[in-house]
Amino acid sequence: MPETTVIVNTSPLLYLHQVGCLQLLQQLYNKVTVPTAVPQELEDGKLLGVDVPEINTLEWIEVRPVASIALIPAVIDLGQGEAEVLALGLEIPDSLLIFDDKLARRIADLYKLKYTGTLGILVKAKQRGYLGSVAPIIAMLQSQGMWLNDKIINDILRLCGEVGR
């Protein structure tokens, strides 16, 4: 059975890097793919002084262009990275998309694409024994600007066998 292609958007790469957990993607999936918009979005952030991962130095991250721009959803409120992740997801059957954007998730649901997000990565890493606890990482994510409501946090902590707040 071929290995599932994992396609990652900018925000999960950024957040996991900022909390020192970027290696979880490699541990969980060996190799991940990003569309061409993602390195550009990271570079834009770097120019603004944001601490971003240097993905061109990571051999386990492959940059892949979208083959047909016709597949890129033309949704005004959707970022270029999310749009290209969705387009690659349509091009590569049975791929797993990793993004946090709510609109991108709604579009993925319409196309019946599989996806998870930054917190899903933490849950899977905890289940596989790569993390002892997700609670401190969630706190760090929040301090880095990731917006999470108490219900989401409590649901994740319960799922991971940690006490909710």
Protein backbone atom coordinates (compact mmCIF):
# COMPACT_ATOMS: atom_id res chain seq x y z
CA MET A 1 0.00 0.00 0.00
CA PRO A 2 1.52 3.36 -0.98
CA GLU A 3 2.34 5.84 1.74
CA THR A 4 -0.21 8.63 2.17
CA THR A 5 0.94 12.00 0.89
CA VAL A 6 0.78 14.56 3.70
CA ILE A 7 0.29 18.15 2.52
CA VAL A 8 0.95 20.88 5.07
CA ASN A 9 -0.05 24.53 5.10
CA THR A 10 1.89 27.45 6.53
CA SER A 11 0.28 27.85 9.97
CA PRO A 12 0.93 24.31 11.27
CA LEU A 13 4.58 24.57 10.15
CA LEU A 14 4.90 27.98 11.77
CA TYR A 15 3.20 27.09 15.06
CA LEU A 16 4.96 23.73 15.46
CA HIS A 17 8.30 25.43 14.77
CA GLN A 18 7.62 28.20 17.27
CA VAL A 19 6.88 25.73 20.07
CA GLY A 20 9.82 23.46 19.23
CA CYS A 21 7.71 20.62 17.83
CA LEU A 22 8.27 20.79 14.06
CA GLN A 23 10.08 17.45 14.17
CA LEU A 24 6.76 15.78 15.07
CA LEU A 25 5.75 16.01 11.41
CA GLN A 26 8.82 14.02 10.39
CA GLN A 27 8.36 11.54 13.25
CA LEU A 28 4.72 10.95 12.36
CA TYR A 29 4.88 11.03 8.55
CA ASN A 30 8.57 10.72 7.53
CA LYS A 31 8.06 13.15 4.65
CA VAL A 32 5.61 16.00 4.06
CA THR A 33 4.74 18.07 1.02
CA VAL A 34 4.03 21.78 0.86
CA PRO A 35 2.68 23.74 -2.10
CA THR A 36 4.82 26.55 -3.54
CA ALA A 37 2.77 29.23 -1.75
CA VAL A 38 3.91 27.98 1.68
CA PRO A 39 7.63 28.85 1.39
CA GLN A 40 6.59 32.26 0.03
CA GLU A 41 4.22 32.86 2.96
CA LEU A 42 6.99 31.84 5.38
CA GLU A 43 9.43 34.18 3.65
CA ASP A 44 6.88 37.01 3.90
CA GLY A 45 6.60 36.33 7.63
CA LYS A 46 10.38 36.26 8.02
CA LEU A 47 10.63 39.68 6.38
CA LEU A 48 8.20 40.94 9.05
CA GLY A 49 10.42 39.56 11.81
CA VAL A 50 8.44 36.39 12.53
CA ASP A 51 10.41 33.33 13.68
CA VAL A 52 9.80 30.90 10.80
CA PRO A 53 11.25 27.49 9.99
CA GLU A 54 13.88 27.32 7.24
CA ILE A 55 12.07 24.59 5.32
CA ASN A 56 14.56 24.62 2.45
CA THR A 57 17.10 23.11 4.88
CA LEU A 58 14.81 20.23 5.88
CA GLU A 59 15.20 17.27 3.53
CA TRP A 60 11.93 15.72 4.71
CA ILE A 61 9.87 18.64 3.35
CA GLU A 62 9.16 18.57 -0.38
CA VAL A 63 7.89 21.66 -2.20
CA ARG A 64 5.45 20.68 -4.93
CA PRO A 65 3.66 23.01 -7.33
CA VAL A 66 -0.01 22.58 -8.13
CA ALA A 67 -0.24 20.91 -11.56
CA SER A 68 -3.44 22.67 -12.61
CA ILE A 69 -4.33 26.13 -11.37
CA ALA A 70 -7.91 25.30 -12.37
CA LEU A 71 -8.07 23.17 -9.22
CA ILE A 72 -7.21 26.08 -6.92
CA PRO A 73 -10.46 27.12 -5.24
CA ALA A 74 -11.40 30.69 -6.16
CA VAL A 75 -12.57 31.76 -2.73
CA ILE A 76 -11.80 35.36 -1.80
CA ASP A 77 -11.35 34.76 1.94
CA LEU A 78 -9.05 31.76 1.45
CA GLY A 79 -5.30 32.32 1.66
CA GLN A 80 -3.06 31.19 -1.20
CA GLY A 81 -1.44 28.51 0.96
CA GLU A 82 -4.78 26.98 1.94
CA ALA A 83 -6.01 27.17 -1.65
CA GLU A 84 -2.93 25.36 -2.94
CA VAL A 85 -3.08 22.73 -0.17
CA LEU A 86 -6.69 22.03 -1.21
CA ALA A 87 -5.70 21.89 -4.89
CA LEU A 88 -2.90 19.40 -4.17
CA GLY A 89 -5.37 17.41 -2.09
CA LEU A 90 -7.65 17.20 -5.12
CA GLU A 91 -4.72 16.19 -7.36
CA ILE A 92 -3.39 13.50 -5.02
CA PRO A 93 -6.12 11.02 -4.02
CA ASP A 94 -6.20 9.86 -0.39
CA SER A 95 -3.76 12.53 0.77
CA LEU A 96 -3.93 14.00 4.27
CA LEU A 97 -4.14 17.79 4.45
CA ILE A 98 -2.87 19.66 7.50
CA PHE A 99 -4.26 23.14 8.04
CA ASP A 100 -6.01 25.14 10.74
CA ASP A 101 -8.21 27.47 8.68
CA LYS A 102 -11.94 27.00 9.29
CA LEU A 103 -12.98 27.97 5.75
CA ALA A 104 -10.41 25.59 4.24
CA ARG A 105 -11.84 22.82 6.40
CA ARG A 106 -15.37 23.54 5.18
CA ILE A 107 -14.17 23.37 1.58
CA ALA A 108 -12.28 20.14 2.32
CA ASP A 109 -15.50 18.69 3.74
CA LEU A 110 -17.33 19.58 0.50
CA TYR A 111 -14.72 17.68 -1.52
CA LYS A 112 -14.55 14.86 1.06
CA LEU A 113 -10.83 15.42 1.63
CA LYS A 114 -9.10 14.09 4.77
CA TYR A 115 -7.53 16.71 7.02
CA THR A 116 -6.23 17.48 10.46
CA GLY A 117 -4.63 20.51 12.08
CA THR A 118 -1.90 21.54 14.46
CA LEU A 119 -3.79 20.18 17.47
CA GLY A 120 -4.50 16.94 15.61
CA ILE A 121 -0.75 16.53 15.15
CA LEU A 122 -0.26 16.98 18.89
CA VAL A 123 -2.95 14.40 19.67
CA LYS A 124 -1.43 11.86 17.28
CA ALA A 125 2.07 12.53 18.66
CA LYS A 126 0.82 12.00 22.22
CA GLN A 127 -0.95 8.76 21.20
CA ARG A 128 2.26 7.51 19.56
CA GLY A 129 4.36 8.36 22.62
CA TYR A 130 6.31 11.27 21.08
CA LEU A 131 4.90 13.70 23.65
CA GLY A 132 4.43 13.27 27.38
CA SER A 133 1.83 16.01 27.63
CA VAL A 134 0.04 18.34 25.23
CA ALA A 135 -1.17 20.87 27.84
CA PRO A 136 2.10 22.86 28.03
CA ILE A 137 2.38 22.88 24.24
CA ILE A 138 -1.17 24.19 23.92
CA ALA A 139 -0.27 26.98 26.36
CA MET A 140 2.80 27.81 24.25
CA LEU A 141 0.69 27.82 21.08
CA GLN A 142 -1.67 30.30 22.69
CA SER A 143 1.25 32.50 23.74
CA GLN A 144 2.38 32.43 20.07
CA GLY A 145 -1.02 33.78 19.02
CA MET A 146 -2.96 30.64 18.13
CA TRP A 147 -6.57 31.30 19.00
CA LEU A 148 -8.15 28.40 20.87
CA ASN A 149 -11.36 28.47 22.87
CA ASP A 150 -11.78 26.60 26.15
CA LYS A 151 -14.03 23.95 24.58
CA ILE A 152 -11.41 23.01 21.98
CA ILE A 153 -8.69 22.92 24.62
CA ASN A 154 -10.78 20.79 26.98
CA ASP A 155 -11.76 18.41 24.16
CA ILE A 156 -8.10 17.94 23.17
CA LEU A 157 -6.95 17.46 26.76
CA ARG A 158 -9.68 14.88 27.37
CA LEU A 159 -8.80 13.09 24.13
CA CYS A 160 -5.18 12.93 25.30
CA GLY A 161 -6.12 11.70 28.78
CA GLU A 162 -5.10 14.98 30.40
CA VAL A 163 -7.34 16.94 32.73
CA GLY A 164 -9.36 19.76 31.12
CA ARG A 165 -9.28 23.22 32.58
